[in-house]
């Protein structure tokens, strides 16, 4: 899922507890959309875009402001900035 372009989103979770709020969503069927969880990140595939995505909407309901999502290119750029210090 990572590196999937505009349809792929990588979302950094504010805490490990937020992961447990998202786990029930992994058991639902989302049509063409997909959700996978890491320790402090979730990976979303929303081929029709995130603005109209039922999955993204449910993720937002589950964790609220405890998440920030970016495409993989932006995550890599942010990582590079952090590593430069």
C-alpha atoms as a PDB file:
ATOM      1  CA  UNK A   1       0.000   0.000   0.000  1.00  0.00           C
ATOM      2  CA  UNK A   2       2.795   2.423   0.750  1.00  0.00           C
ATOM      3  CA  UNK A   3       3.867   4.399  -2.250  1.00  0.00           C
ATOM      4  CA  UNK A   4       0.456   3.971  -3.845  1.00  0.00           C
ATOM      5  CA  UNK A   5       0.252   7.565  -5.049  1.00  0.00           C
ATOM      6  CA  UNK A   6      -2.760   9.782  -4.463  1.00  0.00           C
ATOM      7  CA  UNK A   7      -5.063   6.901  -3.574  1.00  0.00           C
ATOM      8  CA  UNK A   8      -2.703   5.579  -0.886  1.00  0.00           C
ATOM      9  CA  UNK A   9      -2.518   7.260   2.500  1.00  0.00           C
ATOM     10  CA  UNK A  10      -0.218   6.576   5.407  1.00  0.00           C
ATOM     11  CA  UNK A  11      -1.624   7.760   8.713  1.00  0.00           C
ATOM     12  CA  UNK A  12       0.527   8.234  11.789  1.00  0.00           C
ATOM     13  CA  UNK A  13      -1.321   7.455  15.018  1.00  0.00           C
ATOM     14  CA  UNK A  14      -0.928   9.667  18.083  1.00  0.00           C
ATOM     15  CA  UNK A  15      -0.668   6.659  20.423  1.00  0.00           C
ATOM     16  CA  UNK A  16      -0.684   2.878  20.467  1.00  0.00           C
ATOM     17  CA  UNK A  17      -4.181   2.998  22.000  1.00  0.00           C
ATOM     18  CA  UNK A  18      -5.509   4.460  18.752  1.00  0.00           C
ATOM     19  CA  UNK A  19      -4.560   1.237  16.978  1.00  0.00           C
ATOM     20  CA  UNK A  20      -7.029  -0.728  19.111  1.00  0.00           C
ATOM     21  CA  UNK A  21      -9.800   1.677  18.039  1.00  0.00           C
ATOM     22  CA  UNK A  22      -9.029   0.906  14.398  1.00  0.00           C
ATOM     23  CA  UNK A  23      -8.758  -2.877  14.683  1.00  0.00           C
ATOM     24  CA  UNK A  24     -12.530  -3.472  14.271  1.00  0.00           C
ATOM     25  CA  UNK A  25     -12.401  -1.618  10.943  1.00  0.00           C
ATOM     26  CA  UNK A  26      -9.940  -4.176   9.561  1.00  0.00           C
ATOM     27  CA  UNK A  27     -12.640  -6.840   9.807  1.00  0.00           C
ATOM     28  CA  UNK A  28     -15.136  -4.927   7.659  1.00  0.00           C
ATOM     29  CA  UNK A  29     -15.434  -5.146   3.896  1.00  0.00           C
ATOM     30  CA  UNK A  30     -14.681  -1.846   2.195  1.00  0.00           C
ATOM     31  CA  UNK A  31     -15.187  -2.700  -1.468  1.00  0.00           C
ATOM     32  CA  UNK A  32     -12.032  -1.635  -3.298  1.00  0.00           C
ATOM     33  CA  UNK A  33     -10.721   0.272  -0.283  1.00  0.00           C
ATOM     34  CA  UNK A  34      -8.240  -1.322   2.106  1.00  0.00           C
ATOM     35  CA  UNK A  35      -6.952  -0.769   5.633  1.00  0.00           C
ATOM     36  CA  UNK A  36      -3.853  -2.294   7.214  1.00  0.00           C
ATOM     37  CA  UNK A  37      -2.389  -1.525  10.628  1.00  0.00           C
ATOM     38  CA  UNK A  38       1.162  -1.229  11.851  1.00  0.00           C
ATOM     39  CA  UNK A  39       2.270  -0.491  15.406  1.00  0.00           C
ATOM     40  CA  UNK A  40       1.802   3.311  15.203  1.00  0.00           C
ATOM     41  CA  UNK A  41       0.585   3.729  11.629  1.00  0.00           C
ATOM     42  CA  UNK A  42      -2.314   2.710   9.452  1.00  0.00           C
ATOM     43  CA  UNK A  43      -2.175   2.316   5.702  1.00  0.00           C
ATOM     44  CA  UNK A  44      -5.243   3.206   3.663  1.00  0.00           C
ATOM     45  CA  UNK A  45      -5.973   2.526   0.010  1.00  0.00           C
ATOM     46  CA  UNK A  46      -8.798   4.748  -1.262  1.00  0.00           C
ATOM     47  CA  UNK A  47      -8.824   4.418  -5.067  1.00  0.00           C
ATOM     48  CA  UNK A  48     -11.631   6.979  -5.482  1.00  0.00           C
ATOM     49  CA  UNK A  49      -9.852   9.529  -3.266  1.00  0.00           C
ATOM     50  CA  UNK A  50     -10.004  10.263   0.444  1.00  0.00           C
ATOM     51  CA  UNK A  51     -12.588  13.047   0.329  1.00  0.00           C
ATOM     52  CA  UNK A  52     -15.438  10.684  -0.574  1.00  0.00           C
ATOM     53  CA  UNK A  53     -13.995   7.609   1.109  1.00  0.00           C
ATOM     54  CA  UNK A  54     -16.284   5.734   3.530  1.00  0.00           C
ATOM     55  CA  UNK A  55     -13.174   4.097   5.013  1.00  0.00           C
ATOM     56  CA  UNK A  56     -11.417   7.406   5.674  1.00  0.00           C
ATOM     57  CA  UNK A  57     -14.606   8.759   7.249  1.00  0.00           C
ATOM     58  CA  UNK A  58     -14.797   5.767   9.630  1.00  0.00           C
ATOM     59  CA  UNK A  59     -11.116   6.059  10.509  1.00  0.00           C
ATOM     60  CA  UNK A  60     -11.727   9.707  11.386  1.00  0.00           C
ATOM     61  CA  UNK A  61     -14.691   8.771  13.578  1.00  0.00           C
ATOM     62  CA  UNK A  62     -12.668   6.084  15.345  1.00  0.00           C
ATOM     63  CA  UNK A  63      -9.644   8.210  16.248  1.00  0.00           C
ATOM     64  CA  UNK A  64     -10.664  11.830  15.632  1.00  0.00           C
ATOM     65  CA  UNK A  65      -7.753  14.248  15.776  1.00  0.00           C
ATOM     66  CA  UNK A  66      -5.388  11.533  16.979  1.00  0.00           C
ATOM     67  CA  UNK A  67      -4.259  10.878  13.421  1.00  0.00           C
ATOM     68  CA  UNK A  68      -2.576  12.691  10.570  1.00  0.00           C
ATOM     69  CA  UNK A  69      -2.518  11.207   7.091  1.00  0.00           C
ATOM     70  CA  UNK A  70      -0.190  11.952   4.209  1.00  0.00           C
ATOM     71  CA  UNK A  71       0.718  10.311   0.937  1.00  0.00           C
ATOM     72  CA  UNK A  72       3.881   8.228   0.887  1.00  0.00           C
ATOM     73  CA  UNK A  73       5.919  10.878  -0.945  1.00  0.00           C
ATOM     74  CA  UNK A  74       5.229  13.423   1.797  1.00  0.00           C
ATOM     75  CA  UNK A  75       6.072  10.879   4.532  1.00  0.00           C
ATOM     76  CA  UNK A  76       9.435  10.277   2.850  1.00  0.00           C
ATOM     77  CA  UNK A  77      10.153  14.018   2.641  1.00  0.00           C
ATOM     78  CA  UNK A  78       9.274  14.509   6.309  1.00  0.00           C
ATOM     79  CA  UNK A  79      11.491  11.572   7.243  1.00  0.00           C
ATOM     80  CA  UNK A  80      14.355  13.134   5.300  1.00  0.00           C
ATOM     81  CA  UNK A  81      13.935  16.426   7.154  1.00  0.00           C
ATOM     82  CA  UNK A  82      14.009  14.689  10.523  1.00  0.00           C
ATOM     83  CA  UNK A  83      17.069  12.654   9.569  1.00  0.00           C
ATOM     84  CA  UNK A  84      18.935  15.798   8.458  1.00  0.00           C
ATOM     85  CA  UNK A  85      19.051  17.132  12.025  1.00  0.00           C
END
